[in-house]
Amino acid sequence: MKTVFITGANTGIGFETARQLAQLGHFVYLGCRDQAKGLAAINKLRHLGLSNAEMIEIDIADIGSVTKAKKELESKIEALDILINNAGITGDQPQNISASPIENFRKVFDTNYFGTIQTTQQLIPLLKKSRQPVIVNVASELGSLTMHTSLERNPDWDIYNAYGSSKTAVNSFTVMLANEFSDTNFKINSVTPGYTATELNDYKGTKTVEEGAGPIVKCAMLDKDGPTGKFFKDGGEVPW
C-alpha cells in the first residue's frame, strides 16, 4: 500500500483519481481548500465502501495553509509515496493575451504555478523518505507550445490564455524538477487528463472523469523503470 496526497481532491478529476487509487488499495489523503466539501468527499468514498482515505485542508496558494497541511501529514505518515498536484483554477474568461487584465493572470498563476511549486517544495522531505517517490503535475494540452504553434491549433484556446500559459509554466517546473532529481529514484511527470467534463469547464468536456483520471493514475503507479521528465496523455506522450 502506498500513501498518496492529491490536491484539489474533493471534486472532479481530483476526486475520481482519489477514488481509483483508494480502490487499488492505497491510502489517499484528499487535499481540499474547503473543509466541508472535503468531508463530504470522504463521506462519499465511505458510501462506496472505501475507508482508506482522509481529508486534509489546504489552499495551495496560501503558504501558511500549505505549511499547516505539511505538518498534519507529517503527524500521520513517515513517508509520502505519491504527490499529485491537481488543484487549479481557470480564471475569468475571455483571456485573450492582448487584453485580459493582468490581475486575472496573477490569480491563475498564484494557484496553478506558484501554488504547485510551494506545495511540492514543502512535501519533498516526506517524498524523499519513500523508496519510490512519484510526483504527477496535472497539466493540459493548452500548456503545449508545440500544439499552440501547430496547424492543428484550436483557435478557441485563445480565451484560456491565462490558464494555458500557467500550465506551460507547470510543464517547465516538471522538466526542471525532473532534471534536478535525475540521479535519484524520483519519477516526476506532467499529465493531461484531456478535455474532461468537470465543474472547471461547466461540464462541457467530452471525456468522463473516469477517463480523465486514467492517465494520472497510470503515471502515479510508475515503478523504478518508469519514465521521468515527460508529458503524457491517455495513449501516449504529448509534445512540450
Foldseek 3Di string as FASTA:
>chain_A
DAEEEEEPQLFFLNVLLVLVVLVVPYQYEYEYQDPVSQVVSCVVSVVVVRNRYYYQYAQLLDLVRLLVSLVVVVVPDQAHAEYEHDDFAQFDWQCQPVDDDVVRLVVRLSRLPVSVVSNCVSRVVRHVPDPAHEYEYEAALLQAPVLCPDPNNDPVSNRRNSRNVSRVNVLVVQQVVCVVCVVDNYAGEYEYLAQEQTVNVVGPGDHHSNSSNVVVSVRRPDGSPDHHSFYYYVPGGDHD
